[in-house]
Amino acid sequence: MLAASVAAFGSGISDLLPSAAKAASLVDVPGATEARVPSSSSSAALAPSAAETAGAADAASAETSAASATPAAAGVAAAVPAAEVVACFVSPGGAADSAVELPPGAERAARFSSVAAAVAACPSGGVVLVAAGRYRERLVLRGQAVTLKAWPQGAEVELLWETAQPYESTVDISGGGGTAAALGGGGGGQVVLEGLTIRHASKSVANNFGVYVHGACSPRLLDCDISSRTGAGVGVEGASPWLLGCRVHDCARQGLAIFGGGAELMADLNLDLSLDTAVDPGLLTGMTGGVVQGCDVYGNALDGVLVRGGAAPDLMDNKVHDNKGSGFNLQDCSGRYSGNVVYDNARGAVSISPLFELDSGDLAGSNSLRGLLRRL
């Protein structure tokens, strides 16, 4: 079970939370033109592209994918662990920017002014450090294990994507990792986003999310700040992400919208199991939804957290408050809900449909619920 994996994070989520103060003000990196970078299973060269050498800061969209791996040890380190390979460094000035001091061993990292271009050049399993600034670009992550970290810790790194086009999340992470990824185990790769501020505005249609995680994958989002002016903050569909110590707030729809396995998950699973898509594998689709722990979900125009479509997430030790819908809206779903503090939501603490698979009394006894518990 995913719940058992949470124990690997130690005694509590508080170790994951750095100071709320940010170390640097934003420097806007101009340009919002998306340039799609083809994905590749092999390690790309670390040298910046000709456009980067010329100092161009056009936003790019990297295609790398996420699968799962064992989560990192509890706590946000003050320095990059020795086992991590810092392959790329991103700053508003690119190769000409030497103002930020890199950690020992990272001095030879290739330098970029675009986050997506750095991800495309980073070898599988490498680390991309990102200096303070506002980067007007989107990331489409498929096929490559990569870690993106704000550097130094606490630096205000904002990924901003504003577009009139539909279906364009600021961060789009999709699957292809097979059964192990769907179950939160050791898939072929891992995406880790740490300490990033993610902002989003796209045409208001379906799948309108600041961060969209879908298919058989299990990325990690640590200490990220997420908001969408047009949709939900985080959308999960058939995936099992880990959101730890994040803030999801002031979204035009839900803070988190978590859906169970669909056609995309089944297609991903077929890569390993050759399953007949007409057959429900039961356990496999029932494990989707991921882990949300130690997060603060507030100020959203609809529910704080919507769970439906057969999803079974682990939601533990979160604060869900001051949303204009319900704190939790639990429909045809199951999962584990414990240690959450839910209060001051306009439509009550929890809304439950007849298809919710857990006892409402157990739900109330395992959480601090201030407000109505409504049956839909």
Protein backbone atom coordinates (compact mmCIF):
# COMPACT_ATOMS: atom_id res chain seq x y z
CA MET A 1 0.00 0.00 0.00
CA LEU A 2 1.05 3.57 -0.59
CA ALA A 3 0.32 4.34 3.03
CA ALA A 4 3.11 2.03 4.14
CA SER A 5 5.57 3.94 2.02
CA VAL A 6 4.88 7.14 3.93
CA ALA A 7 6.69 5.73 6.96
CA ALA A 8 9.94 6.08 5.04
CA PHE A 9 9.68 9.82 5.50
CA GLY A 10 10.36 9.62 9.23
CA SER A 11 8.55 11.16 12.13
CA GLY A 12 6.68 13.92 10.34
CA ILE A 13 6.27 16.23 7.40
CA SER A 14 7.53 19.25 9.32
CA ASP A 15 11.10 18.37 8.41
CA LEU A 16 10.24 19.06 4.78
CA LEU A 17 9.20 22.66 5.30
CA PRO A 18 11.83 25.38 4.96
CA SER A 19 11.36 28.94 6.16
CA ALA A 20 8.51 30.74 4.48
CA ALA A 21 10.79 33.69 3.78
CA LYS A 22 12.19 33.71 0.26
CA ALA A 23 15.80 34.56 -0.29
CA ALA A 24 15.52 36.69 -3.41
CA SER A 25 13.02 38.81 -5.34
CA LEU A 26 11.88 37.74 -8.78
CA VAL A 27 13.81 38.67 -11.89
CA ASP A 28 11.54 38.33 -14.91
CA VAL A 29 12.96 36.26 -17.76
CA PRO A 30 11.23 37.63 -20.89
CA GLY A 31 9.62 35.58 -23.60
CA ALA A 32 6.68 33.18 -23.52
CA THR A 33 7.07 31.31 -26.79
CA GLU A 34 6.94 27.56 -26.28
CA ALA A 35 9.55 25.62 -28.23
CA ARG A 36 9.01 21.88 -27.96
CA VAL A 37 12.19 19.87 -27.42
CA PRO A 38 12.05 16.24 -28.67
CA SER A 39 12.43 13.61 -25.98
CA SER A 40 15.24 11.07 -25.97
CA SER A 41 16.00 8.04 -23.85
CA SER A 42 19.73 8.67 -24.09
CA SER A 43 21.68 11.33 -22.22
CA ALA A 44 21.81 14.61 -24.11
CA ALA A 45 24.95 16.72 -24.48
CA LEU A 46 25.38 19.22 -21.68
CA ALA A 47 26.60 22.07 -23.86
CA PRO A 48 24.01 24.87 -24.21
CA SER A 49 22.35 25.29 -27.58
CA ALA A 50 23.35 28.04 -29.96
CA ALA A 51 20.31 30.02 -28.87
CA GLU A 52 21.41 29.73 -25.26
CA THR A 53 24.94 30.81 -26.10
CA ALA A 54 23.51 33.88 -27.80
CA GLY A 55 21.65 34.70 -24.60
CA ALA A 56 18.16 33.88 -25.87
CA ALA A 57 15.57 33.36 -23.16
CA ASP A 58 12.67 32.03 -25.20
CA ALA A 59 10.57 29.64 -23.15
CA ALA A 60 10.77 26.01 -24.16
CA SER A 61 8.82 22.86 -23.48
CA ALA A 62 10.92 19.81 -22.65
CA GLU A 63 9.48 16.34 -23.21
CA THR A 64 10.76 14.09 -20.48
CA SER A 65 8.66 11.58 -18.53
CA ALA A 66 8.15 10.63 -14.97
CA ALA A 67 8.01 7.25 -13.35
CA SER A 68 8.39 6.38 -9.72
CA ALA A 69 11.26 5.63 -7.40
CA THR A 70 11.78 5.30 -3.69
CA PRO A 71 11.26 8.76 -2.12
CA ALA A 72 14.18 10.73 -0.77
CA ALA A 73 14.93 10.71 2.94
CA ALA A 74 12.95 13.10 5.14
CA GLY A 75 14.08 16.68 5.28
CA VAL A 76 15.11 19.30 2.75
CA ALA A 77 18.88 19.38 2.69
CA ALA A 78 20.72 22.68 2.96
CA ALA A 79 23.14 21.48 0.30
CA VAL A 80 22.92 19.15 -2.65
CA PRO A 81 23.64 15.58 -1.48
CA ALA A 82 26.92 14.18 -2.71
CA ALA A 83 25.16 11.34 -4.57
CA GLU A 84 23.33 13.80 -6.83
CA VAL A 85 24.95 14.93 -10.05
CA VAL A 86 24.35 18.63 -10.68
CA ALA A 87 24.39 18.69 -14.47
CA CYS A 88 22.77 22.05 -15.26
CA PHE A 89 22.28 25.46 -13.69
CA VAL A 90 19.56 27.89 -14.76
CA SER A 91 19.56 31.62 -14.07
CA PRO A 92 18.02 34.66 -15.80
CA GLY A 93 21.40 35.61 -17.25
CA GLY A 94 22.27 32.14 -18.52
CA ALA A 95 25.93 31.53 -19.35
CA ALA A 96 26.80 35.16 -18.57
CA ASP A 97 25.42 35.00 -15.02
CA SER A 98 28.00 34.24 -12.34
CA ALA A 99 26.31 35.96 -9.40
CA VAL A 100 24.98 32.78 -7.73
CA GLU A 101 27.44 30.56 -5.90
CA LEU A 102 26.99 26.89 -6.78
CA PRO A 103 27.48 24.03 -4.31
CA PRO A 104 30.84 22.22 -4.24
CA GLY A 105 31.25 19.94 -7.24
CA ALA A 106 28.71 21.81 -9.37
CA GLU A 107 31.00 24.52 -10.73
CA ARG A 108 31.24 22.80 -14.12
CA ALA A 109 27.48 22.51 -14.58
CA ALA A 110 26.23 23.69 -17.97
CA ARG A 111 24.47 27.06 -17.74
CA PHE A 112 21.12 27.98 -19.26
CA SER A 113 18.54 30.75 -19.14
CA SER A 114 15.63 28.36 -19.87
CA VAL A 115 14.49 25.69 -17.40
CA ALA A 116 13.05 23.50 -20.16
CA ALA A 117 16.23 23.68 -22.23
CA ALA A 118 18.26 22.64 -19.20
CA VAL A 119 15.93 19.68 -18.56
CA ALA A 120 16.30 18.59 -22.18
CA ALA A 121 20.11 18.66 -21.86
CA CYS A 122 20.28 17.01 -18.45
CA PRO A 123 21.37 13.35 -18.40
CA SER A 124 18.93 10.86 -16.91
CA GLY A 125 18.98 11.05 -13.12
CA GLY A 126 20.73 14.41 -13.07
CA VAL A 127 19.90 17.55 -11.09
CA VAL A 128 18.99 20.97 -12.47
CA LEU A 129 19.47 23.85 -10.03
CA VAL A 130 17.41 26.98 -10.73
CA ALA A 131 18.27 30.46 -9.44
CA ALA A 132 15.69 33.03 -8.36
CA GLY A 133 13.65 34.51 -11.18
CA ARG A 134 10.39 34.34 -13.09
CA TYR A 135 10.64 31.89 -16.00
CA ARG A 136 7.83 32.27 -18.54
CA GLU A 137 7.68 28.73 -19.88
CA ARG A 138 5.98 25.38 -19.48
CA LEU A 139 7.45 21.96 -18.84
CA VAL A 140 6.16 18.82 -20.54
CA LEU A 141 7.99 16.04 -18.73
CA ARG A 142 8.21 12.58 -20.30
CA GLY A 143 10.80 9.82 -20.54
CA GLN A 144 13.69 11.09 -18.42
CA ALA A 145 14.42 11.06 -14.68
CA VAL A 146 15.32 14.57 -13.50
CA THR A 147 15.31 16.66 -10.33
CA LEU A 148 14.60 20.40 -10.42
CA LYS A 149 15.49 22.41 -7.31
CA ALA A 150 15.34 26.07 -6.39
CA TRP A 151 18.87 27.20 -5.55
CA PRO A 152 19.87 28.22 -3.00
CA GLN A 153 17.21 26.76 -0.74
CA GLY A 154 14.42 29.30 -0.30
CA ALA A 155 15.14 31.18 -3.54
CA GLU A 156 11.93 32.38 -5.20
CA VAL A 157 11.80 30.46 -8.48
CA GLU A 158 8.58 31.00 -10.40
CA LEU A 159 7.45 28.98 -13.42
CA LEU A 160 4.71 31.01 -15.11
CA TRP A 161 2.63 29.96 -18.11
CA GLU A 162 -0.13 32.26 -19.37
CA THR A 163 -1.79 31.37 -22.67
CA ALA A 164 -5.06 31.59 -24.59
CA GLN A 165 -4.57 27.99 -25.74
CA PRO A 166 -6.54 25.23 -23.97
CA TYR A 167 -5.08 22.15 -22.26
CA GLU A 168 -1.73 23.76 -21.48
CA SER A 169 -0.68 23.25 -17.87
CA THR A 170 2.44 24.96 -16.61
CA VAL A 171 3.83 21.54 -15.66
CA ASP A 172 2.58 18.43 -17.48
CA ILE A 173 3.94 15.08 -16.23
CA SER A 174 2.77 11.89 -17.88
CA GLY A 175 3.37 8.17 -17.65
CA GLY A 176 4.72 5.28 -19.62
CA GLY A 177 6.54 3.76 -16.68
CA GLY A 178 4.40 0.61 -16.58
CA THR A 179 2.97 -1.24 -13.60
CA ALA A 180 5.73 -0.35 -11.14
CA ALA A 181 5.12 3.34 -11.70
CA ALA A 182 1.37 2.96 -11.31
CA LEU A 183 1.89 1.29 -7.95
CA GLY A 184 4.35 3.94 -6.72
CA GLY A 185 7.29 1.56 -6.99
CA GLY A 186 10.59 1.60 -8.84
CA GLY A 187 9.76 2.58 -12.38
CA GLY A 188 12.14 3.61 -15.12
CA GLY A 189 12.58 7.19 -13.97
CA GLN A 190 11.60 9.82 -11.43
CA VAL A 191 10.68 13.48 -11.62
CA VAL A 192 11.29 15.57 -8.50
CA LEU A 193 10.27 19.24 -8.25
CA GLU A 194 11.47 21.00 -5.11
CA GLY A 195 10.91 24.53 -3.86
CA LEU A 196 9.24 25.86 -7.03
CA THR A 197 6.46 28.43 -7.34
CA ILE A 198 4.11 27.37 -10.16
CA ARG A 199 1.61 29.82 -11.65
CA HIS A 200 -0.89 29.14 -14.44
CA ALA A 201 -3.54 30.69 -16.65
CA SER A 202 -5.03 28.90 -19.68
CA LYS A 203 -8.32 28.86 -21.56
CA SER A 204 -10.98 27.59 -19.17
CA VAL A 205 -11.94 24.16 -20.55
CA ALA A 206 -11.56 20.60 -19.28
CA ASN A 207 -8.15 19.51 -17.95
CA ASN A 208 -7.36 23.05 -16.87
CA PHE A 209 -4.65 22.53 -14.24
CA GLY A 210 -1.57 24.34 -13.05
CA VAL A 211 0.14 20.96 -12.63
CA TYR A 212 -1.25 17.95 -14.50
CA VAL A 213 -0.03 14.45 -13.56
CA HIS A 214 -1.52 11.61 -15.62
CA GLY A 215 -0.87 8.03 -16.65
CA ALA A 216 1.34 5.51 -14.88
CA CYS A 217 3.79 7.79 -13.10
CA SER A 218 4.72 8.82 -9.57
CA PRO A 219 6.55 12.17 -9.46
CA ARG A 220 7.51 13.95 -6.23
CA LEU A 221 6.57 17.59 -5.55
CA LEU A 222 8.27 18.91 -2.42
CA ASP A 223 7.64 22.34 -0.87
CA CYS A 224 6.07 23.75 -4.04
CA ASP A 225 3.62 26.68 -4.16
CA ILE A 226 0.91 26.16 -6.79
CA SER A 227 -1.94 28.35 -8.05
CA SER A 228 -4.07 28.63 -11.20
CA ARG A 229 -6.06 31.72 -12.18
CA THR A 230 -8.28 29.71 -14.55
CA GLY A 231 -8.52 26.14 -13.26
CA ALA A 232 -7.51 23.74 -10.50
CA GLY A 233 -4.08 23.85 -8.92
CA VAL A 234 -3.17 20.17 -9.30
CA GLY A 235 -4.95 17.62 -11.50
CA VAL A 236 -4.23 13.90 -11.06
CA GLU A 237 -5.64 11.29 -13.44
CA GLY A 238 -4.62 7.66 -13.13
CA ALA A 239 -1.29 8.62 -11.53
CA SER A 240 0.25 8.36 -8.05
CA PRO A 241 2.19 11.55 -7.31
CA TRP A 242 3.61 12.49 -3.92
CA LEU A 243 2.83 16.05 -2.78
CA LEU A 244 4.75 16.79 0.40
CA GLY A 245 4.72 20.10 2.23
CA CYS A 246 3.16 21.98 -0.72
CA ARG A 247 0.81 24.96 -0.75
CA VAL A 248 -2.11 24.88 -3.23
CA HIS A 249 -4.20 28.01 -3.05
CA ASP A 250 -6.30 30.74 -4.68
CA CYS A 251 -7.29 28.66 -7.70
CA ALA A 252 -10.30 29.36 -9.92
CA ARG A 253 -11.56 25.82 -9.34
CA GLN A 254 -10.46 23.11 -6.88
CA GLY A 255 -7.14 23.11 -5.14
CA LEU A 256 -6.59 19.42 -5.99
CA ALA A 257 -8.71 17.32 -8.37
CA ILE A 258 -7.81 13.63 -8.07
CA PHE A 259 -9.27 11.07 -10.50
CA GLY A 260 -8.71 7.33 -10.76
CA GLY A 261 -7.35 5.25 -13.62
CA GLY A 262 -8.63 5.82 -17.12
CA ALA A 263 -7.78 4.88 -20.68
CA GLU A 264 -4.33 6.44 -20.48
CA LEU A 265 -3.36 4.43 -17.39
CA MET A 266 -4.59 1.23 -19.01
CA ALA A 267 -2.57 1.98 -22.13
CA ASP A 268 0.53 2.52 -20.00
CA LEU A 269 -0.04 -0.72 -18.12
CA ASN A 270 -0.42 -2.61 -21.36
CA LEU A 271 3.23 -1.89 -22.09
CA ASP A 272 4.16 -4.36 -19.34
CA LEU A 273 1.17 -6.61 -18.85
CA SER A 274 -0.57 -6.75 -22.25
CA LEU A 275 -3.86 -6.39 -20.41
CA ASP A 276 -7.16 -6.46 -22.20
CA THR A 277 -8.46 -2.91 -21.71
CA ALA A 278 -11.97 -4.32 -21.35
CA VAL A 279 -10.89 -6.06 -18.13
CA ASP A 280 -10.63 -4.01 -14.94
CA PRO A 281 -7.40 -5.01 -13.17
CA GLY A 282 -8.99 -3.90 -9.89
CA LEU A 283 -6.01 -3.58 -7.58
CA LEU A 284 -3.95 -1.65 -10.11
CA THR A 285 -6.47 1.09 -10.84
CA GLY A 286 -7.50 1.15 -7.18
CA MET A 287 -3.99 2.19 -6.14
CA THR A 288 -3.99 5.46 -8.09
CA GLY A 289 -4.28 8.86 -6.45
CA GLY A 290 -0.93 9.15 -4.71
CA VAL A 291 0.03 10.69 -1.39
CA VAL A 292 -0.76 14.23 -0.22
CA GLN A 293 0.87 14.92 3.13
CA GLY A 294 1.65 18.03 5.14
CA CYS A 295 0.14 20.36 2.53
CA ASP A 296 -1.83 23.58 2.98
CA VAL A 297 -4.87 23.86 0.66
CA TYR A 298 -6.78 27.12 0.96
CA GLY A 299 -8.60 30.00 -0.71
CA ASN A 300 -9.85 28.03 -3.74
CA ALA A 301 -13.08 28.95 -5.53
CA LEU A 302 -14.55 25.43 -5.33
CA ASP A 303 -13.56 22.47 -3.12
CA GLY A 304 -10.21 22.20 -1.45
CA VAL A 305 -9.81 18.57 -2.61
CA LEU A 306 -12.07 16.68 -5.03
CA VAL A 307 -11.60 12.88 -5.22
CA ARG A 308 -13.60 10.76 -7.66
CA GLY A 309 -13.47 8.25 -10.50
CA GLY A 310 -12.23 5.35 -8.39
CA ALA A 311 -9.16 7.12 -7.03
CA ALA A 312 -7.72 5.92 -3.72
CA PRO A 313 -5.27 8.55 -2.45
CA ASP A 314 -3.58 8.84 0.94
CA LEU A 315 -4.39 12.30 2.37
CA MET A 316 -2.65 12.78 5.70
CA ASP A 317 -1.73 15.64 8.02
CA ASN A 318 -2.96 18.39 5.68
CA LYS A 319 -4.65 21.71 6.42
CA VAL A 320 -7.68 22.34 4.18
CA HIS A 321 -9.41 25.61 4.94
CA ASP A 322 -11.13 28.76 3.67
CA ASN A 323 -12.27 27.22 0.40
CA LYS A 324 -15.60 28.29 -1.15
CA GLY A 325 -16.78 24.72 -1.67
CA SER A 326 -16.28 21.77 0.67
CA GLY A 327 -12.96 21.00 2.28
CA PHE A 328 -13.06 17.43 0.92
CA ASN A 329 -15.51 16.40 -1.81
CA LEU A 330 -15.37 12.59 -1.81
CA GLN A 331 -17.43 10.86 -4.47
CA ASP A 332 -16.91 7.42 -6.07
CA CYS A 333 -13.56 6.83 -4.39
CA SER A 334 -11.78 5.25 -1.46
CA GLY A 335 -8.34 5.85 0.10
CA ARG A 336 -6.89 6.81 3.45
CA TYR A 337 -7.76 10.09 5.18
CA SER A 338 -6.19 10.77 8.56
CA GLY A 339 -4.73 13.57 10.64
CA ASN A 340 -6.17 16.31 8.42
CA VAL A 341 -7.41 19.59 9.87
CA VAL A 342 -10.39 20.84 7.86
CA TYR A 343 -12.07 24.11 8.81
CA ASP A 344 -13.81 27.31 7.64
CA ASN A 345 -14.91 25.96 4.25
CA ALA A 346 -18.08 27.57 2.90
CA ARG A 347 -19.93 24.30 2.14
CA GLY A 348 -18.73 22.37 5.14
CA ALA A 349 -15.80 20.19 6.04
CA VAL A 350 -16.65 17.12 3.92
CA SER A 351 -19.17 16.22 1.23
CA ILE A 352 -19.68 12.48 0.71
CA SER A 353 -21.56 10.71 -2.08
CA PRO A 354 -23.31 7.34 -1.57
CA LEU A 355 -20.50 5.74 -3.59
CA PHE A 356 -17.78 6.77 -1.12
CA GLU A 357 -16.29 3.49 0.10
CA LEU A 358 -15.30 4.45 3.66
CA ASP A 359 -17.38 4.84 6.79
CA SER A 360 -18.15 8.48 7.51
CA GLY A 361 -17.75 7.85 11.23
CA ASP A 362 -14.23 6.59 10.74
CA LEU A 363 -13.53 9.62 8.60
CA ALA A 364 -14.72 11.97 11.33
CA GLY A 365 -12.79 10.11 14.01
CA SER A 366 -9.51 10.18 12.11
CA ASN A 367 -9.52 13.88 11.25
CA SER A 368 -10.26 17.25 12.83
CA LEU A 369 -13.38 18.38 11.00
CA ARG A 370 -14.87 21.79 11.79
CA GLY A 371 -18.06 22.27 9.83
CA LEU A 372 -20.77 20.13 8.29
CA LEU A 373 -20.27 16.62 7.03
CA ARG A 374 -22.71 16.57 4.11
CA ARG A 375 -24.10 13.59 2.19
CA LEU A 376 -24.59 14.33 -1.49
